[in-house]
């Protein structure tokens, strides 16, 4: 459980385990961070960042790291762009 300030009621408790269960059953594709994506693609971090910079992998910068959808990594692998480097 986590306390969250609410403008209307002061504070309330949020059951994060219930949220996580809902997220696991939704149809949204998984999101990978930089290290997970590198592990999935079996490439180094500098190579991954270079692929983002050149537009070969579409990712979003959130906070200090990059986030990329599972579907984007699959698209990249199916396109065979990694072997062209």
PDB file of N, CA and C in Angstrom:
ATOM      1  N   UNK A   1       0.839  -1.182   0.000  1.00  0.00           N
ATOM      2  CA  UNK A   1       0.000   0.000   0.000  1.00  0.00           C
ATOM      3  C   UNK A   1       0.882   1.242   0.000  1.00  0.00           C
ATOM      4  N   UNK A   2       0.356   2.295  -0.554  1.00  0.00           N
ATOM      5  CA  UNK A   2       1.139   3.512  -0.694  1.00  0.00           C
ATOM      6  C   UNK A   2       0.242   4.712  -0.408  1.00  0.00           C
ATOM      7  N   UNK A   3       0.722   5.685   0.347  1.00  0.00           N
ATOM      8  CA  UNK A   3      -0.032   6.908   0.582  1.00  0.00           C
ATOM      9  C   UNK A   3       0.117   7.850  -0.591  1.00  0.00           C
ATOM     10  N   UNK A   4      -0.990   8.427  -1.003  1.00  0.00           N
ATOM     11  CA  UNK A   4      -0.984   9.398  -2.078  1.00  0.00           C
ATOM     12  C   UNK A   4      -1.832  10.572  -1.644  1.00  0.00           C
ATOM     13  N   UNK A   5      -1.318  11.782  -1.780  1.00  0.00           N
ATOM     14  CA  UNK A   5      -2.102  12.965  -1.437  1.00  0.00           C
ATOM     15  C   UNK A   5      -3.182  13.182  -2.465  1.00  0.00           C
ATOM     16  N   UNK A   6      -4.364  13.469  -2.000  1.00  0.00           N
ATOM     17  CA  UNK A   6      -5.501  13.741  -2.870  1.00  0.00           C
ATOM     18  C   UNK A   6      -6.046  15.101  -2.468  1.00  0.00           C
ATOM     19  N   UNK A   7      -6.263  15.985  -3.427  1.00  0.00           N
ATOM     20  CA  UNK A   7      -6.712  17.338  -3.133  1.00  0.00           C
ATOM     21  C   UNK A   7      -8.053  17.362  -2.419  1.00  0.00           C
ATOM     22  N   UNK A   8      -8.906  16.405  -2.691  1.00  0.00           N
ATOM     23  CA  UNK A   8     -10.252  16.433  -2.132  1.00  0.00           C
ATOM     24  C   UNK A   8     -10.354  15.785  -0.763  1.00  0.00           C
ATOM     25  N   UNK A   9      -9.593  14.740  -0.501  1.00  0.00           N
ATOM     26  CA  UNK A   9      -9.794  13.980   0.733  1.00  0.00           C
ATOM     27  C   UNK A   9      -8.587  13.965   1.654  1.00  0.00           C
ATOM     28  N   UNK A  10      -7.554  14.697   1.388  1.00  0.00           N
ATOM     29  CA  UNK A  10      -6.356  14.673   2.226  1.00  0.00           C
ATOM     30  C   UNK A  10      -5.401  13.616   1.736  1.00  0.00           C
ATOM     31  N   UNK A  11      -5.487  12.416   2.278  1.00  0.00           N
ATOM     32  CA  UNK A  11      -4.659  11.327   1.772  1.00  0.00           C
ATOM     33  C   UNK A  11      -5.492  10.059   1.703  1.00  0.00           C
ATOM     34  N   UNK A  12      -5.087   9.162   0.841  1.00  0.00           N
ATOM     35  CA  UNK A  12      -5.786   7.892   0.691  1.00  0.00           C
ATOM     36  C   UNK A  12      -4.758   6.816   0.407  1.00  0.00           C
ATOM     37  N   UNK A  13      -5.158   5.589   0.593  1.00  0.00           N
ATOM     38  CA  UNK A  13      -4.259   4.465   0.349  1.00  0.00           C
ATOM     39  C   UNK A  13      -4.559   3.869  -1.015  1.00  0.00           C
ATOM     40  N   UNK A  14      -3.499   3.505  -1.735  1.00  0.00           N
ATOM     41  CA  UNK A  14      -3.648   2.838  -3.017  1.00  0.00           C
ATOM     42  C   UNK A  14      -3.043   1.454  -2.889  1.00  0.00           C
ATOM     43  N   UNK A  15      -3.807   0.461  -3.254  1.00  0.00           N
ATOM     44  CA  UNK A  15      -3.343  -0.922  -3.225  1.00  0.00           C
ATOM     45  C   UNK A  15      -2.601  -1.213  -4.524  1.00  0.00           C
ATOM     46  N   UNK A  16      -1.253  -1.117  -4.491  1.00  0.00           N
ATOM     47  CA  UNK A  16      -0.440  -1.285  -5.695  1.00  0.00           C
ATOM     48  C   UNK A  16      -0.504  -2.721  -6.217  1.00  0.00           C
ATOM     49  N   UNK A  17      -0.682  -3.700  -5.357  1.00  0.00           N
ATOM     50  CA  UNK A  17      -0.747  -5.078  -5.833  1.00  0.00           C
ATOM     51  C   UNK A  17      -1.968  -5.276  -6.718  1.00  0.00           C
ATOM     52  N   UNK A  18      -3.066  -4.608  -6.401  1.00  0.00           N
ATOM     53  CA  UNK A  18      -4.259  -4.696  -7.241  1.00  0.00           C
ATOM     54  C   UNK A  18      -3.999  -4.059  -8.599  1.00  0.00           C
ATOM     55  N   UNK A  19      -3.272  -2.927  -8.618  1.00  0.00           N
ATOM     56  CA  UNK A  19      -2.927  -2.267  -9.875  1.00  0.00           C
ATOM     57  C   UNK A  19      -2.025  -3.157 -10.713  1.00  0.00           C
ATOM     58  N   UNK A  20      -1.023  -3.781 -10.080  1.00  0.00           N
ATOM     59  CA  UNK A  20      -0.105  -4.653 -10.807  1.00  0.00           C
ATOM     60  C   UNK A  20      -0.836  -5.847 -11.417  1.00  0.00           C
ATOM     61  N   UNK A  21      -1.800  -6.409 -10.699  1.00  0.00           N
ATOM     62  CA  UNK A  21      -2.565  -7.524 -11.253  1.00  0.00           C
ATOM     63  C   UNK A  21      -3.372  -7.068 -12.456  1.00  0.00           C
ATOM     64  N   UNK A  22      -3.922  -5.876 -12.399  1.00  0.00           N
ATOM     65  CA  UNK A  22      -4.682  -5.346 -13.521  1.00  0.00           C
ATOM     66  C   UNK A  22      -3.762  -5.113 -14.723  1.00  0.00           C
ATOM     67  N   UNK A  23      -2.578  -4.596 -14.473  1.00  0.00           N
ATOM     68  CA  UNK A  23      -1.632  -4.327 -15.557  1.00  0.00           C
ATOM     69  C   UNK A  23      -1.199  -5.630 -16.224  1.00  0.00           C
ATOM     70  N   UNK A  24      -1.069  -6.692 -15.450  1.00  0.00           N
ATOM     71  CA  UNK A  24      -0.625  -7.961 -16.013  1.00  0.00           C
ATOM     72  C   UNK A  24      -1.687  -8.572 -16.920  1.00  0.00           C
ATOM     73  N   UNK A  25      -2.942  -8.275 -16.681  1.00  0.00           N
ATOM     74  CA  UNK A  25      -4.006  -8.858 -17.485  1.00  0.00           C
ATOM     75  C   UNK A  25      -4.444  -7.959 -18.626  1.00  0.00           C
ATOM     76  N   UNK A  26      -3.897  -6.752 -18.721  1.00  0.00           N
ATOM     77  CA  UNK A  26      -4.295  -5.859 -19.804  1.00  0.00           C
ATOM     78  C   UNK A  26      -3.651  -6.306 -21.115  1.00  0.00           C
ATOM     79  N   UNK A  27      -4.098  -5.712 -22.212  1.00  0.00           N
ATOM     80  CA  UNK A  27      -3.588  -6.098 -23.523  1.00  0.00           C
ATOM     81  C   UNK A  27      -2.465  -5.197 -24.006  1.00  0.00           C
ATOM     82  N   UNK A  28      -1.943  -4.354 -23.142  1.00  0.00           N
ATOM     83  CA  UNK A  28      -0.836  -3.487 -23.524  1.00  0.00           C
ATOM     84  C   UNK A  28       0.438  -4.304 -23.682  1.00  0.00           C
ATOM     85  N   UNK A  29       1.268  -3.987 -24.699  1.00  0.00           N
ATOM     86  CA  UNK A  29       2.518  -4.731 -24.864  1.00  0.00           C
ATOM     87  C   UNK A  29       3.512  -4.369 -23.759  1.00  0.00           C
ATOM     88  N   UNK A  30       4.391  -5.311 -23.412  1.00  0.00           N
ATOM     89  CA  UNK A  30       5.400  -5.029 -22.383  1.00  0.00           C
ATOM     90  C   UNK A  30       6.351  -3.904 -22.815  1.00  0.00           C
ATOM     91  N   UNK A  31       6.852  -3.189 -21.834  1.00  0.00           N
ATOM     92  CA  UNK A  31       7.807  -2.107 -22.073  1.00  0.00           C
ATOM     93  C   UNK A  31       9.141  -2.508 -21.456  1.00  0.00           C
ATOM     94  N   UNK A  32      10.221  -2.342 -22.225  1.00  0.00           N
ATOM     95  CA  UNK A  32      11.553  -2.688 -21.763  1.00  0.00           C
ATOM     96  C   UNK A  32      12.344  -1.425 -21.464  1.00  0.00           C
ATOM     97  N   UNK A  33      13.179  -1.472 -20.427  1.00  0.00           N
ATOM     98  CA  UNK A  33      14.140  -0.384 -20.213  1.00  0.00           C
ATOM     99  C   UNK A  33      15.399  -0.700 -21.025  1.00  0.00           C
ATOM    100  N   UNK A  34      16.403   0.149 -20.929  1.00  0.00           N
ATOM    101  CA  UNK A  34      17.610  -0.003 -21.742  1.00  0.00           C
ATOM    102  C   UNK A  34      18.290  -1.347 -21.522  1.00  0.00           C
ATOM    103  N   UNK A  35      18.523  -1.715 -20.266  1.00  0.00           N
ATOM    104  CA  UNK A  35      19.248  -2.960 -20.008  1.00  0.00           C
ATOM    105  C   UNK A  35      18.440  -4.178 -20.431  1.00  0.00           C
ATOM    106  N   UNK A  36      17.117  -4.154 -20.241  1.00  0.00           N
ATOM    107  CA  UNK A  36      16.274  -5.269 -20.664  1.00  0.00           C
ATOM    108  C   UNK A  36      16.266  -5.402 -22.188  1.00  0.00           C
ATOM    109  N   UNK A  37      16.186  -4.270 -22.878  1.00  0.00           N
ATOM    110  CA  UNK A  37      16.186  -4.295 -24.346  1.00  0.00           C
ATOM    111  C   UNK A  37      17.520  -4.818 -24.872  1.00  0.00           C
ATOM    112  N   UNK A  38      18.628  -4.377 -24.271  1.00  0.00           N
ATOM    113  CA  UNK A  38      19.953  -4.861 -24.682  1.00  0.00           C
ATOM    114  C   UNK A  38      20.065  -6.361 -24.479  1.00  0.00           C
ATOM    115  N   UNK A  39      19.570  -6.835 -23.361  1.00  0.00           N
ATOM    116  CA  UNK A  39      19.603  -8.268 -23.081  1.00  0.00           C
ATOM    117  C   UNK A  39      18.735  -9.022 -24.082  1.00  0.00           C
ATOM    118  N   UNK A  40      17.558  -8.503 -24.375  1.00  0.00           N
ATOM    119  CA  UNK A  40      16.625  -9.127 -25.323  1.00  0.00           C
ATOM    120  C   UNK A  40      17.248  -9.212 -26.721  1.00  0.00           C
ATOM    121  N   UNK A  41      17.895  -8.132 -27.152  1.00  0.00           N
ATOM    122  CA  UNK A  41      18.507  -8.098 -28.481  1.00  0.00           C
ATOM    123  C   UNK A  41      19.902  -8.716 -28.514  1.00  0.00           C
ATOM    124  N   UNK A  42      20.488  -8.940 -27.324  1.00  0.00           N
ATOM    125  CA  UNK A  42      21.851  -9.459 -27.171  1.00  0.00           C
ATOM    126  C   UNK A  42      22.875  -8.532 -27.820  1.00  0.00           C
ATOM    127  N   UNK A  43      22.741  -7.242 -27.487  1.00  0.00           N
ATOM    128  CA  UNK A  43      23.674  -6.228 -27.972  1.00  0.00           C
ATOM    129  C   UNK A  43      24.146  -5.396 -26.793  1.00  0.00           C
ATOM    130  N   UNK A  44      25.200  -4.608 -27.011  1.00  0.00           N
ATOM    131  CA  UNK A  44      25.719  -3.753 -25.949  1.00  0.00           C
ATOM    132  C   UNK A  44      24.875  -2.479 -25.823  1.00  0.00           C
ATOM    133  N   UNK A  45      25.038  -1.810 -24.703  1.00  0.00           N
ATOM    134  CA  UNK A  45      24.313  -0.555 -24.469  1.00  0.00           C
ATOM    135  C   UNK A  45      24.685   0.514 -25.501  1.00  0.00           C
ATOM    136  N   UNK A  46      25.984   0.716 -25.817  1.00  0.00           N
ATOM    137  CA  UNK A  46      26.321   1.710 -26.836  1.00  0.00           C
ATOM    138  C   UNK A  46      25.695   1.408 -28.202  1.00  0.00           C
ATOM    139  N   UNK A  47      25.632   0.140 -28.571  1.00  0.00           N
ATOM    140  CA  UNK A  47      25.003  -0.231 -29.838  1.00  0.00           C
ATOM    141  C   UNK A  47      23.513   0.093 -29.806  1.00  0.00           C
ATOM    142  N   UNK A  48      22.865  -0.216 -28.695  1.00  0.00           N
ATOM    143  CA  UNK A  48      21.437   0.078 -28.542  1.00  0.00           C
ATOM    144  C   UNK A  48      21.185   1.579 -28.661  1.00  0.00           C
ATOM    145  N   UNK A  49      21.993   2.384 -27.984  1.00  0.00           N
ATOM    146  CA  UNK A  49      21.822   3.835 -28.031  1.00  0.00           C
ATOM    147  C   UNK A  49      22.088   4.379 -29.430  1.00  0.00           C
ATOM    148  N   UNK A  50      23.026   3.780 -30.147  1.00  0.00           N
ATOM    149  CA  UNK A  50      23.314   4.182 -31.527  1.00  0.00           C
ATOM    150  C   UNK A  50      22.122   3.874 -32.437  1.00  0.00           C
ATOM    151  N   UNK A  51      21.493   2.726 -32.224  1.00  0.00           N
ATOM    152  CA  UNK A  51      20.326   2.348 -33.014  1.00  0.00           C
ATOM    153  C   UNK A  51      19.152   3.305 -32.771  1.00  0.00           C
ATOM    154  N   UNK A  52      19.011   3.769 -31.544  1.00  0.00           N
ATOM    155  CA  UNK A  52      17.972   4.761 -31.226  1.00  0.00           C
ATOM    156  C   UNK A  52      18.305   6.081 -31.908  1.00  0.00           C
ATOM    157  N   UNK A  53      19.559   6.512 -31.805  1.00  0.00           N
ATOM    158  CA  UNK A  53      19.978   7.798 -32.377  1.00  0.00           C
ATOM    159  C   UNK A  53      19.804   7.830 -33.893  1.00  0.00           C
ATOM    160  N   UNK A  54      20.010   6.693 -34.558  1.00  0.00           N
ATOM    161  CA  UNK A  54      19.872   6.647 -36.016  1.00  0.00           C
ATOM    162  C   UNK A  54      18.433   6.387 -36.459  1.00  0.00           C
ATOM    163  N   UNK A  55      17.529   6.168 -35.494  1.00  0.00           N
ATOM    164  CA  UNK A  55      16.124   5.962 -35.817  1.00  0.00           C
ATOM    165  C   UNK A  55      15.758   4.546 -36.212  1.00  0.00           C
ATOM    166  N   UNK A  56      16.673   3.617 -36.050  1.00  0.00           N
ATOM    167  CA  UNK A  56      16.385   2.228 -36.405  1.00  0.00           C
ATOM    168  C   UNK A  56      15.504   1.550 -35.365  1.00  0.00           C
ATOM    169  N   UNK A  57      15.585   2.036 -34.132  1.00  0.00           N
ATOM    170  CA  UNK A  57      14.696   1.584 -33.060  1.00  0.00           C
ATOM    171  C   UNK A  57      13.997   2.821 -32.511  1.00  0.00           C
ATOM    172  N   UNK A  58      12.665   2.757 -32.455  1.00  0.00           N
ATOM    173  CA  UNK A  58      11.892   3.867 -31.897  1.00  0.00           C
ATOM    174  C   UNK A  58      11.733   3.644 -30.401  1.00  0.00           C
ATOM    175  N   UNK A  59      12.158   4.632 -29.617  1.00  0.00           N
ATOM    176  CA  UNK A  59      12.095   4.543 -28.160  1.00  0.00           C
ATOM    177  C   UNK A  59      11.777   5.923 -27.600  1.00  0.00           C
ATOM    178  N   UNK A  60      11.371   5.959 -26.348  1.00  0.00           N
ATOM    179  CA  UNK A  60      11.064   7.208 -25.668  1.00  0.00           C
ATOM    180  C   UNK A  60      12.004   7.376 -24.484  1.00  0.00           C
ATOM    181  N   UNK A  61      12.511   8.592 -24.322  1.00  0.00           N
ATOM    182  CA  UNK A  61      13.358   8.904 -23.173  1.00  0.00           C
ATOM    183  C   UNK A  61      12.438   9.286 -22.026  1.00  0.00           C
ATOM    184  N   UNK A  62      12.457   8.514 -20.961  1.00  0.00           N
ATOM    185  CA  UNK A  62      11.645   8.785 -19.781  1.00  0.00           C
ATOM    186  C   UNK A  62      12.565   8.811 -18.573  1.00  0.00           C
ATOM    187  N   UNK A  63      12.672   9.983 -17.963  1.00  0.00           N
ATOM    188  CA  UNK A  63      13.591  10.124 -16.853  1.00  0.00           C
ATOM    189  C   UNK A  63      15.019  10.023 -17.344  1.00  0.00           C
ATOM    190  N   UNK A  64      15.804   9.168 -16.713  1.00  0.00           N
ATOM    191  CA  UNK A  64      17.207   9.011 -17.099  1.00  0.00           C
ATOM    192  C   UNK A  64      17.415   7.935 -18.158  1.00  0.00           C
ATOM    193  N   UNK A  65      16.396   7.139 -18.429  1.00  0.00           N
ATOM    194  CA  UNK A  65      16.590   6.013 -19.331  1.00  0.00           C
ATOM    195  C   UNK A  65      15.636   6.005 -20.498  1.00  0.00           C
ATOM    196  N   UNK A  66      15.805   5.004 -21.339  1.00  0.00           N
ATOM    197  CA  UNK A  66      14.980   4.822 -22.525  1.00  0.00           C
ATOM    198  C   UNK A  66      13.990   3.700 -22.273  1.00  0.00           C
ATOM    199  N   UNK A  67      12.812   3.834 -22.864  1.00  0.00           N
ATOM    200  CA  UNK A  67      11.777   2.805 -22.808  1.00  0.00           C
ATOM    201  C   UNK A  67      11.398   2.451 -24.240  1.00  0.00           C
ATOM    202  N   UNK A  68      11.269   1.162 -24.495  1.00  0.00           N
ATOM    203  CA  UNK A  68      10.941   0.695 -25.842  1.00  0.00           C
ATOM    204  C   UNK A  68       9.922  -0.439 -25.721  1.00  0.00           C
ATOM    205  N   UNK A  69       8.953  -0.448 -26.623  1.00  0.00           N
ATOM    206  CA  UNK A  69       7.923  -1.474 -26.609  1.00  0.00           C
ATOM    207  C   UNK A  69       8.460  -2.800 -27.131  1.00  0.00           C
ATOM    208  N   UNK A  70       7.932  -3.862 -26.597  1.00  0.00           N
ATOM    209  CA  UNK A  70       8.256  -5.209 -27.050  1.00  0.00           C
ATOM    210  C   UNK A  70       7.969  -5.350 -28.545  1.00  0.00           C
ATOM    211  N   UNK A  71       6.877  -4.780 -29.001  1.00  0.00           N
ATOM    212  CA  UNK A  71       6.518  -4.870 -30.422  1.00  0.00           C
ATOM    213  C   UNK A  71       7.538  -4.163 -31.310  1.00  0.00           C
ATOM    214  N   UNK A  72       8.138  -3.090 -30.812  1.00  0.00           N
ATOM    215  CA  UNK A  72       9.155  -2.372 -31.578  1.00  0.00           C
ATOM    216  C   UNK A  72      10.424  -3.212 -31.700  1.00  0.00           C
ATOM    217  N   UNK A  73      10.808  -3.896 -30.642  1.00  0.00           N
ATOM    218  CA  UNK A  73      11.986  -4.766 -30.706  1.00  0.00           C
ATOM    219  C   UNK A  73      11.753  -5.933 -31.661  1.00  0.00           C
ATOM    220  N   UNK A  74      10.532  -6.481 -31.649  1.00  0.00           N
ATOM    221  CA  UNK A  74      10.218  -7.568 -32.582  1.00  0.00           C
ATOM    222  C   UNK A  74      10.233  -7.064 -34.019  1.00  0.00           C
ATOM    223  N   UNK A  75       9.698  -5.854 -34.254  1.00  0.00           N
ATOM    224  CA  UNK A  75       9.716  -5.266 -35.591  1.00  0.00           C
ATOM    225  C   UNK A  75      11.146  -5.097 -36.074  1.00  0.00           C
ATOM    226  N   UNK A  76      12.001  -4.602 -35.194  1.00  0.00           N
ATOM    227  CA  UNK A  76      13.407  -4.393 -35.526  1.00  0.00           C
ATOM    228  C   UNK A  76      14.089  -5.705 -35.900  1.00  0.00           C
ATOM    229  N   UNK A  77      13.837  -6.751 -35.125  1.00  0.00           N
ATOM    230  CA  UNK A  77      14.456  -8.050 -35.413  1.00  0.00           C
ATOM    231  C   UNK A  77      13.940  -8.637 -36.720  1.00  0.00           C
ATOM    232  N   UNK A  78      12.645  -8.521 -36.962  1.00  0.00           N
ATOM    233  CA  UNK A  78      12.068  -9.067 -38.191  1.00  0.00           C
ATOM    234  C   UNK A  78      12.556  -8.320 -39.420  1.00  0.00           C
ATOM    235  N   UNK A  79      12.849  -7.027 -39.269  1.00  0.00           N
ATOM    236  CA  UNK A  79      13.342  -6.240 -40.395  1.00  0.00           C
ATOM    237  C   UNK A  79      14.787  -6.604 -40.719  1.00  0.00           C
ATOM    238  N   UNK A  80      15.483  -7.273 -39.803  1.00  0.00           N
ATOM    239  CA  UNK A  80      16.864  -7.687 -40.039  1.00  0.00           C
ATOM    240  C   UNK A  80      17.840  -6.539 -40.071  1.00  0.00           C
ATOM    241  N   UNK A  81      17.512  -5.440 -39.401  1.00  0.00           N
ATOM    242  CA  UNK A  81      18.376  -4.235 -39.440  1.00  0.00           C
ATOM    243  C   UNK A  81      19.662  -4.413 -38.637  1.00  0.00           C
ATOM    244  N   UNK A  82      19.677  -5.323 -37.706  1.00  0.00           N
ATOM    245  CA  UNK A  82      20.871  -5.503 -36.878  1.00  0.00           C
ATOM    246  C   UNK A  82      22.022  -6.105 -37.693  1.00  0.00           C
ATOM    247  N   UNK A  83      21.718  -6.942 -38.631  1.00  0.00           N
ATOM    248  CA  UNK A  83      22.771  -7.596 -39.417  1.00  0.00           C
ATOM    249  C   UNK A  83      23.380  -6.665 -40.457  1.00  0.00           C
ATOM    250  N   UNK A  84      22.739  -5.527 -40.722  1.00  0.00           N
ATOM    251  CA  UNK A  84      23.227  -4.597 -41.722  1.00  0.00           C
ATOM    252  C   UNK A  84      24.291  -3.651 -41.184  1.00  0.00           C
ATOM    253  N   UNK A  85      24.613  -3.739 -39.895  1.00  0.00           N
ATOM    254  CA  UNK A  85      25.608  -2.823 -39.331  1.00  0.00           C
ATOM    255  C   UNK A  85      27.006  -3.287 -39.559  1.00  0.00           C
TER     256      UNK A  85
END
